[in-house]
Amino acid sequence: MNAAVPAGSVCQVLTWENIMSNGRSLSLVELEQRIAITRDNIRQLVEQAAAFSGAGDEARNADRIAQLTEELERLVKQRDALLKK
């Protein structure tokens, strides 16, 4: 488990390997689910950042929030491209 995520957290980890399933494109439903999960993960990390203090915790949370924000942007672009088809 990531050190920036406290034990018992329901924050789901999304990685590129998790996003691409067997080399196929994700369906609209899958993209919507992953967007919702990523948004919830960002929300949880923001709440955790407000609850915890310390330079190390803040830096880790900021890095993870930035990573999730990039992932969210990528997923939204994928979804929008799929909707245009």
PDB file of N, CA and C in Angstrom:
ATOM      1  N   MET A   1       0.846  -1.188   0.000  1.00  0.00           N
ATOM      2  CA  MET A   1       0.000   0.000   0.000  1.00  0.00           C
ATOM      3  C   MET A   1       0.880   1.236   0.000  1.00  0.00           C
ATOM      4  N   ASN A   2       0.455   2.264  -0.667  1.00  0.00           N
ATOM      5  CA  ASN A   2       1.172   3.523  -0.762  1.00  0.00           C
ATOM      6  C   ASN A   2       1.253   4.168   0.616  1.00  0.00           C
ATOM      7  N   ALA A   3       2.413   4.678   0.969  1.00  0.00           N
ATOM      8  CA  ALA A   3       2.606   5.282   2.282  1.00  0.00           C
ATOM      9  C   ALA A   3       1.760   6.537   2.471  1.00  0.00           C
ATOM     10  N   ALA A   4       1.354   7.187   1.378  1.00  0.00           N
ATOM     11  CA  ALA A   4       0.561   8.407   1.474  1.00  0.00           C
ATOM     12  C   ALA A   4      -0.910   8.111   1.750  1.00  0.00           C
ATOM     13  N   VAL A   5      -1.309   6.858   1.640  1.00  0.00           N
ATOM     14  CA  VAL A   5      -2.698   6.481   1.862  1.00  0.00           C
ATOM     15  C   VAL A   5      -2.798   5.742   3.180  1.00  0.00           C
ATOM     16  N   PRO A   6      -3.514   6.291   4.158  1.00  0.00           N
ATOM     17  CA  PRO A   6      -3.619   5.652   5.467  1.00  0.00           C
ATOM     18  C   PRO A   6      -4.284   4.281   5.383  1.00  0.00           C
ATOM     19  N   ALA A   7      -3.937   3.426   6.330  1.00  0.00           N
ATOM     20  CA  ALA A   7      -4.539   2.091   6.393  1.00  0.00           C
ATOM     21  C   ALA A   7      -6.046   2.236   6.508  1.00  0.00           C
ATOM     22  N   GLY A   8      -6.761   1.361   5.828  1.00  0.00           N
ATOM     23  CA  GLY A   8      -8.207   1.393   5.864  1.00  0.00           C
ATOM     24  C   GLY A   8      -8.830   2.294   4.823  1.00  0.00           C
ATOM     25  N   SER A   9      -8.023   2.998   4.056  1.00  0.00           N
ATOM     26  CA  SER A   9      -8.550   3.878   3.026  1.00  0.00           C
ATOM     27  C   SER A   9      -9.159   3.056   1.906  1.00  0.00           C
ATOM     28  N   VAL A  10     -10.242   3.556   1.336  1.00  0.00           N
ATOM     29  CA  VAL A  10     -10.882   2.864   0.224  1.00  0.00           C
ATOM     30  C   VAL A  10     -10.399   3.401  -1.117  1.00  0.00           C
ATOM     31  N   CYS A  11      -9.411   4.243  -1.095  1.00  0.00           N
ATOM     32  CA  CYS A  11      -8.858   4.832  -2.307  1.00  0.00           C
ATOM     33  C   CYS A  11      -8.363   3.725  -3.237  1.00  0.00           C
ATOM     34  N   GLN A  12      -8.885   3.686  -4.453  1.00  0.00           N
ATOM     35  CA  GLN A  12      -8.499   2.668  -5.415  1.00  0.00           C
ATOM     36  C   GLN A  12      -7.348   3.194  -6.253  1.00  0.00           C
ATOM     37  N   VAL A  13      -6.400   2.330  -6.536  1.00  0.00           N
ATOM     38  CA  VAL A  13      -5.233   2.721  -7.306  1.00  0.00           C
ATOM     39  C   VAL A  13      -5.492   2.438  -8.780  1.00  0.00           C
ATOM     40  N   LEU A  14      -5.343   3.473  -9.596  1.00  0.00           N
ATOM     41  CA  LEU A  14      -5.470   3.322 -11.033  1.00  0.00           C
ATOM     42  C   LEU A  14      -4.100   3.496 -11.662  1.00  0.00           C
ATOM     43  N   THR A  15      -3.708   2.547 -12.435  1.00  0.00           N
ATOM     44  CA  THR A  15      -2.455   2.635 -13.164  1.00  0.00           C
ATOM     45  C   THR A  15      -2.744   2.388 -14.627  1.00  0.00           C
ATOM     46  N   TRP A  16      -1.786   2.711 -15.474  1.00  0.00           N
ATOM     47  CA  TRP A  16      -1.954   2.493 -16.909  1.00  0.00           C
ATOM     48  C   TRP A  16      -2.284   1.031 -17.183  1.00  0.00           C
ATOM     49  N   GLU A  17      -1.654   0.102 -16.451  1.00  0.00           N
ATOM     50  CA  GLU A  17      -1.926  -1.320 -16.637  1.00  0.00           C
ATOM     51  C   GLU A  17      -3.376  -1.646 -16.292  1.00  0.00           C
ATOM     52  N   ASN A  18      -3.914  -0.989 -15.269  1.00  0.00           N
ATOM     53  CA  ASN A  18      -5.309  -1.213 -14.899  1.00  0.00           C
ATOM     54  C   ASN A  18      -6.261  -0.601 -15.922  1.00  0.00           C
ATOM     55  N   ILE A  19      -5.846   0.501 -16.530  1.00  0.00           N
ATOM     56  CA  ILE A  19      -6.701   1.204 -17.476  1.00  0.00           C
ATOM     57  C   ILE A  19      -6.862   0.387 -18.753  1.00  0.00           C
ATOM     58  N   MET A  20      -5.789  -0.147 -19.256  1.00  0.00           N
ATOM     59  CA  MET A  20      -5.846  -0.909 -20.493  1.00  0.00           C
ATOM     60  C   MET A  20      -6.077  -2.373 -20.149  1.00  0.00           C
ATOM     61  N   SER A  21      -7.183  -2.905 -20.592  1.00  0.00           N
ATOM     62  CA  SER A  21      -7.535  -4.285 -20.303  1.00  0.00           C
ATOM     63  C   SER A  21      -7.306  -5.130 -21.539  1.00  0.00           C
ATOM     64  N   ASN A  22      -6.292  -5.971 -21.494  1.00  0.00           N
ATOM     65  CA  ASN A  22      -5.984  -6.873 -22.605  1.00  0.00           C
ATOM     66  C   ASN A  22      -5.775  -6.141 -23.922  1.00  0.00           C
ATOM     67  N   GLY A  23      -5.240  -4.924 -23.880  1.00  0.00           N
ATOM     68  CA  GLY A  23      -4.935  -4.183 -25.085  1.00  0.00           C
ATOM     69  C   GLY A  23      -6.142  -3.601 -25.799  1.00  0.00           C
ATOM     70  N   ARG A  24      -7.322  -3.709 -25.223  1.00  0.00           N
ATOM     71  CA  ARG A  24      -8.516  -3.191 -25.880  1.00  0.00           C
ATOM     72  C   ARG A  24      -8.867  -1.816 -25.325  1.00  0.00           C
ATOM     73  N   SER A  25      -9.633  -1.071 -26.091  1.00  0.00           N
ATOM     74  CA  SER A  25     -10.107   0.227 -25.632  1.00  0.00           C
ATOM     75  C   SER A  25     -11.195   0.020 -24.595  1.00  0.00           C
ATOM     76  N   LEU A  26     -11.289   0.962 -23.697  1.00  0.00           N
ATOM     77  CA  LEU A  26     -12.325   0.883 -22.674  1.00  0.00           C
ATOM     78  C   LEU A  26     -13.662   1.326 -23.256  1.00  0.00           C
ATOM     79  N   SER A  27     -14.733   0.720 -22.781  1.00  0.00           N
ATOM     80  CA  SER A  27     -16.072   1.119 -23.193  1.00  0.00           C
ATOM     81  C   SER A  27     -16.439   2.417 -22.487  1.00  0.00           C
ATOM     82  N   LEU A  28     -17.507   3.038 -22.950  1.00  0.00           N
ATOM     83  CA  LEU A  28     -17.986   4.264 -22.321  1.00  0.00           C
ATOM     84  C   LEU A  28     -18.324   4.019 -20.852  1.00  0.00           C
ATOM     85  N   VAL A  29     -18.957   2.904 -20.558  1.00  0.00           N
ATOM     86  CA  VAL A  29     -19.316   2.570 -19.178  1.00  0.00           C
ATOM     87  C   VAL A  29     -18.052   2.419 -18.326  1.00  0.00           C
ATOM     88  N   GLU A  30     -17.048   1.719 -18.853  1.00  0.00           N
ATOM     89  CA  GLU A  30     -15.789   1.541 -18.111  1.00  0.00           C
ATOM     90  C   GLU A  30     -15.101   2.880 -17.879  1.00  0.00           C
ATOM     91  N   LEU A  31     -15.091   3.733 -18.900  1.00  0.00           N
ATOM     92  CA  LEU A  31     -14.484   5.061 -18.743  1.00  0.00           C
ATOM     93  C   LEU A  31     -15.221   5.875 -17.690  1.00  0.00           C
ATOM     94  N   GLU A  32     -16.547   5.857 -17.724  1.00  0.00           N
ATOM     95  CA  GLU A  32     -17.335   6.595 -16.733  1.00  0.00           C
ATOM     96  C   GLU A  32     -17.055   6.087 -15.321  1.00  0.00           C
ATOM     97  N   GLN A  33     -16.922   4.765 -15.160  1.00  0.00           N
ATOM     98  CA  GLN A  33     -16.616   4.194 -13.851  1.00  0.00           C
ATOM     99  C   GLN A  33     -15.241   4.639 -13.373  1.00  0.00           C
ATOM    100  N   ARG A  34     -14.265   4.606 -14.248  1.00  0.00           N
ATOM    101  CA  ARG A  34     -12.903   4.993 -13.867  1.00  0.00           C
ATOM    102  C   ARG A  34     -12.805   6.488 -13.584  1.00  0.00           C
ATOM    103  N   ILE A  35     -13.554   7.292 -14.324  1.00  0.00           N
ATOM    104  CA  ILE A  35     -13.606   8.733 -14.052  1.00  0.00           C
ATOM    105  C   ILE A  35     -14.188   8.968 -12.661  1.00  0.00           C
ATOM    106  N   ALA A  36     -15.268   8.284 -12.341  1.00  0.00           N
ATOM    107  CA  ALA A  36     -15.889   8.431 -11.019  1.00  0.00           C
ATOM    108  C   ALA A  36     -14.930   7.997  -9.913  1.00  0.00           C
ATOM    109  N   ILE A  37     -14.235   6.885 -10.110  1.00  0.00           N
ATOM    110  CA  ILE A  37     -13.279   6.395  -9.118  1.00  0.00           C
ATOM    111  C   ILE A  37     -12.149   7.399  -8.929  1.00  0.00           C
ATOM    112  N   THR A  38     -11.633   7.925 -10.043  1.00  0.00           N
ATOM    113  CA  THR A  38     -10.523   8.873  -9.964  1.00  0.00           C
ATOM    114  C   THR A  38     -10.954  10.153  -9.267  1.00  0.00           C
ATOM    115  N   ARG A  39     -12.136  10.655  -9.590  1.00  0.00           N
ATOM    116  CA  ARG A  39     -12.644  11.855  -8.909  1.00  0.00           C
ATOM    117  C   ARG A  39     -12.808  11.606  -7.414  1.00  0.00           C
ATOM    118  N   ASP A  40     -13.302  10.429  -7.048  1.00  0.00           N
ATOM    119  CA  ASP A  40     -13.464  10.096  -5.636  1.00  0.00           C
ATOM    120  C   ASP A  40     -12.105   9.983  -4.943  1.00  0.00           C
ATOM    121  N   ASN A  41     -11.129   9.405  -5.635  1.00  0.00           N
ATOM    122  CA  ASN A  41      -9.785   9.304  -5.068  1.00  0.00           C
ATOM    123  C   ASN A  41      -9.195  10.691  -4.809  1.00  0.00           C
ATOM    124  N   ILE A  42      -9.385  11.604  -5.759  1.00  0.00           N
ATOM    125  CA  ILE A  42      -8.889  12.971  -5.570  1.00  0.00           C
ATOM    126  C   ILE A  42      -9.575  13.611  -4.367  1.00  0.00           C
ATOM    127  N   ARG A  43     -10.898  13.448  -4.277  1.00  0.00           N
ATOM    128  CA  ARG A  43     -11.645  14.005  -3.148  1.00  0.00           C
ATOM    129  C   ARG A  43     -11.109  13.464  -1.822  1.00  0.00           C
ATOM    130  N   GLN A  44     -10.883  12.148  -1.759  1.00  0.00           N
ATOM    131  CA  GLN A  44     -10.374  11.531  -0.533  1.00  0.00           C
ATOM    132  C   GLN A  44      -8.996  12.066  -0.174  1.00  0.00           C
ATOM    133  N   LEU A  45      -8.137  12.210  -1.169  1.00  0.00           N
ATOM    134  CA  LEU A  45      -6.787  12.715  -0.895  1.00  0.00           C
ATOM    135  C   LEU A  45      -6.821  14.162  -0.410  1.00  0.00           C
ATOM    136  N   VAL A  46      -7.704  14.966  -0.978  1.00  0.00           N
ATOM    137  CA  VAL A  46      -7.832  16.350  -0.521  1.00  0.00           C
ATOM    138  C   VAL A  46      -8.294  16.369   0.936  1.00  0.00           C
ATOM    139  N   GLU A  47      -9.255  15.517   1.276  1.00  0.00           N
ATOM    140  CA  GLU A  47      -9.707  15.428   2.661  1.00  0.00           C
ATOM    141  C   GLU A  47      -8.584  14.967   3.587  1.00  0.00           C
ATOM    142  N   GLN A  48      -7.813  13.972   3.132  1.00  0.00           N
ATOM    143  CA  GLN A  48      -6.693  13.481   3.940  1.00  0.00           C
ATOM    144  C   GLN A  48      -5.645  14.570   4.120  1.00  0.00           C
ATOM    145  N   ALA A  49      -5.387  15.333   3.063  1.00  0.00           N
ATOM    146  CA  ALA A  49      -4.390  16.401   3.150  1.00  0.00           C
ATOM    147  C   ALA A  49      -4.816  17.447   4.172  1.00  0.00           C
ATOM    148  N   ALA A  50      -6.112  17.698   4.263  1.00  0.00           N
ATOM    149  CA  ALA A  50      -6.612  18.667   5.241  1.00  0.00           C
ATOM    150  C   ALA A  50      -6.502  18.127   6.664  1.00  0.00           C
ATOM    151  N   ALA A  51      -6.588  16.808   6.812  1.00  0.00           N
ATOM    152  CA  ALA A  51      -6.580  16.197   8.139  1.00  0.00           C
ATOM    153  C   ALA A  51      -5.169  15.960   8.677  1.00  0.00           C
ATOM    154  N   PHE A  52      -4.226  15.728   7.793  1.00  0.00           N
ATOM    155  CA  PHE A  52      -2.856  15.413   8.210  1.00  0.00           C
ATOM    156  C   PHE A  52      -1.948  16.596   7.938  1.00  0.00           C
ATOM    157  N   SER A  53      -0.899  16.688   8.733  1.00  0.00           N
ATOM    158  CA  SER A  53       0.081  17.745   8.497  1.00  0.00           C
ATOM    159  C   SER A  53       1.473  17.144   8.490  1.00  0.00           C
ATOM    160  N   GLY A  54       2.393  17.905   8.005  1.00  0.00           N
ATOM    161  CA  GLY A  54       3.776  17.457   7.898  1.00  0.00           C
ATOM    162  C   GLY A  54       4.223  17.574   6.459  1.00  0.00           C
ATOM    163  N   ALA A  55       5.424  18.066   6.280  1.00  0.00           N
ATOM    164  CA  ALA A  55       5.936  18.326   4.935  1.00  0.00           C
ATOM    165  C   ALA A  55       5.945  17.074   4.076  1.00  0.00           C
ATOM    166  N   GLY A  56       6.346  15.945   4.648  1.00  0.00           N
ATOM    167  CA  GLY A  56       6.401  14.700   3.883  1.00  0.00           C
ATOM    168  C   GLY A  56       5.031  14.251   3.422  1.00  0.00           C
ATOM    169  N   ASP A  57       4.059  14.308   4.327  1.00  0.00           N
ATOM    170  CA  ASP A  57       2.689  13.937   3.978  1.00  0.00           C
ATOM    171  C   ASP A  57       2.132  14.867   2.913  1.00  0.00           C
ATOM    172  N   GLU A  58       2.361  16.163   3.083  1.00  0.00           N
ATOM    173  CA  GLU A  58       1.839  17.145   2.133  1.00  0.00           C
ATOM    174  C   GLU A  58       2.438  16.943   0.752  1.00  0.00           C
ATOM    175  N   ALA A  59       3.728  16.677   0.691  1.00  0.00           N
ATOM    176  CA  ALA A  59       4.392  16.469  -0.603  1.00  0.00           C
ATOM    177  C   ALA A  59       3.877  15.206  -1.281  1.00  0.00           C
ATOM    178  N   ARG A  60       3.730  14.129  -0.517  1.00  0.00           N
ATOM    179  CA  ARG A  60       3.207  12.880  -1.089  1.00  0.00           C
ATOM    180  C   ARG A  60       1.773  13.052  -1.576  1.00  0.00           C
ATOM    181  N   ASN A  61       0.945  13.708  -0.771  1.00  0.00           N
ATOM    182  CA  ASN A  61      -0.437  13.941  -1.178  1.00  0.00           C
ATOM    183  C   ASN A  61      -0.504  14.831  -2.415  1.00  0.00           C
ATOM    184  N   ALA A  62       0.313  15.867  -2.456  1.00  0.00           N
ATOM    185  CA  ALA A  62       0.322  16.755  -3.622  1.00  0.00           C
ATOM    186  C   ALA A  62       0.744  15.992  -4.877  1.00  0.00           C
ATOM    187  N   ASP A  63       1.754  15.134  -4.743  1.00  0.00           N
ATOM    188  CA  ASP A  63       2.207  14.332  -5.887  1.00  0.00           C
ATOM    189  C   ASP A  63       1.110  13.387  -6.354  1.00  0.00           C
ATOM    190  N   ARG A  64       0.438  12.737  -5.423  1.00  0.00           N
ATOM    191  CA  ARG A  64      -0.617  11.777  -5.776  1.00  0.00           C
ATOM    192  C   ARG A  64      -1.825  12.496  -6.380  1.00  0.00           C
ATOM    193  N   ILE A  65      -2.177  13.659  -5.831  1.00  0.00           N
ATOM    194  CA  ILE A  65      -3.279  14.431  -6.394  1.00  0.00           C
ATOM    195  C   ILE A  65      -2.947  14.865  -7.819  1.00  0.00           C
ATOM    196  N   ALA A  66      -1.723  15.301  -8.051  1.00  0.00           N
ATOM    197  CA  ALA A  66      -1.309  15.696  -9.404  1.00  0.00           C
ATOM    198  C   ALA A  66      -1.375  14.505 -10.356  1.00  0.00           C
ATOM    199  N   GLN A  67      -0.918  13.350  -9.892  1.00  0.00           N
ATOM    200  CA  GLN A  67      -0.956  12.138 -10.712  1.00  0.00           C
ATOM    201  C   GLN A  67      -2.398  11.763 -11.056  1.00  0.00           C
ATOM    202  N   LEU A  68      -3.279  11.794 -10.070  1.00  0.00           N
ATOM    203  CA  LEU A  68      -4.680  11.459 -10.300  1.00  0.00           C
ATOM    204  C   LEU A  68      -5.364  12.485 -11.198  1.00  0.00           C
ATOM    205  N   THR A  69      -5.001  13.745 -11.069  1.00  0.00           N
ATOM    206  CA  THR A  69      -5.573  14.783 -11.918  1.00  0.00           C
ATOM    207  C   THR A  69      -5.183  14.559 -13.374  1.00  0.00           C
ATOM    208  N   GLU A  70      -3.930  14.190 -13.614  1.00  0.00           N
ATOM    209  CA  GLU A  70      -3.490  13.856 -14.972  1.00  0.00           C
ATOM    210  C   GLU A  70      -4.260  12.654 -15.505  1.00  0.00           C
ATOM    211  N   GLU A  71      -4.441  11.651 -14.668  1.00  0.00           N
ATOM    212  CA  GLU A  71      -5.193  10.459 -15.054  1.00  0.00           C
ATOM    213  C   GLU A  71      -6.635  10.833 -15.386  1.00  0.00           C
ATOM    214  N   LEU A  72      -7.236  11.678 -14.570  1.00  0.00           N
ATOM    215  CA  LEU A  72      -8.603  12.112 -14.806  1.00  0.00           C
ATOM    216  C   LEU A  72      -8.712  12.837 -16.146  1.00  0.00           C
ATOM    217  N   GLU A  73      -7.785  13.726 -16.429  1.00  0.00           N
ATOM    218  CA  GLU A  73      -7.795  14.453 -17.701  1.00  0.00           C
ATOM    219  C   GLU A  73      -7.678  13.491 -18.883  1.00  0.00           C
ATOM    220  N   ARG A  74      -6.817  12.488 -18.763  1.00  0.00           N
ATOM    221  CA  ARG A  74      -6.636  11.505 -19.824  1.00  0.00           C
ATOM    222  C   ARG A  74      -7.915  10.703 -20.042  1.00  0.00           C
ATOM    223  N   LEU A  75      -8.540  10.274 -18.949  1.00  0.00           N
ATOM    224  CA  LEU A  75      -9.776   9.504 -19.043  1.00  0.00           C
ATOM    225  C   LEU A  75     -10.911  10.324 -19.660  1.00  0.00           C
ATOM    226  N   VAL A  76     -11.021  11.579 -19.268  1.00  0.00           N
ATOM    227  CA  VAL A  76     -12.072  12.441 -19.805  1.00  0.00           C
ATOM    228  C   VAL A  76     -11.860  12.649 -21.304  1.00  0.00           C
ATOM    229  N   LYS A  77     -10.614  12.844 -21.724  1.00  0.00           N
ATOM    230  CA  LYS A  77     -10.323  12.980 -23.156  1.00  0.00           C
ATOM    231  C   LYS A  77     -10.697  11.710 -23.909  1.00  0.00           C
ATOM    232  N   GLN A  78     -10.377  10.563 -23.321  1.00  0.00           N
ATOM    233  CA  GLN A  78     -10.743   9.284 -23.938  1.00  0.00           C
ATOM    234  C   GLN A  78     -12.250   9.167 -24.074  1.00  0.00           C
ATOM    235  N   ARG A  79     -12.961   9.503 -23.010  1.00  0.00           N
ATOM    236  CA  ARG A  79     -14.424   9.424 -23.026  1.00  0.00           C
ATOM    237  C   ARG A  79     -15.003  10.370 -24.064  1.00  0.00           C
ATOM    238  N   ASP A  80     -14.500  11.612 -24.101  1.00  0.00           N
ATOM    239  CA  ASP A  80     -15.012  12.595 -25.060  1.00  0.00           C
ATOM    240  C   ASP A  80     -14.769  12.144 -26.497  1.00  0.00           C
ATOM    241  N   ALA A  81     -13.615  11.552 -26.751  1.00  0.00           N
ATOM    242  CA  ALA A  81     -13.329  11.042 -28.092  1.00  0.00           C
ATOM    243  C   ALA A  81     -14.283   9.913 -28.461  1.00  0.00           C
ATOM    244  N   LEU A  82     -14.591   9.066 -27.496  1.00  0.00           N
ATOM    245  CA  LEU A  82     -15.520   7.959 -27.734  1.00  0.00           C
ATOM    246  C   LEU A  82     -16.925   8.491 -28.004  1.00  0.00           C
ATOM    247  N   LEU A  83     -17.324   9.523 -27.304  1.00  0.00           N
ATOM    248  CA  LEU A  83     -18.654  10.102 -27.504  1.00  0.00           C
ATOM    249  C   LEU A  83     -18.794  10.772 -28.871  1.00  0.00           C
ATOM    250  N   LYS A  84     -17.686  11.253 -29.443  1.00  0.00           N
ATOM    251  CA  LYS A  84     -17.720  11.908 -30.742  1.00  0.00           C
ATOM    252  C   LYS A  84     -17.866  10.930 -31.893  1.00  0.00           C
ATOM    253  N   LYS A  85     -17.618   9.662 -31.646  1.00  0.00           N
ATOM    254  CA  LYS A  85     -17.686   8.654 -32.712  1.00  0.00           C
ATOM    255  C   LYS A  85     -19.097   8.393 -33.146  1.00  0.00           C
TER     256      LYS A  85
END
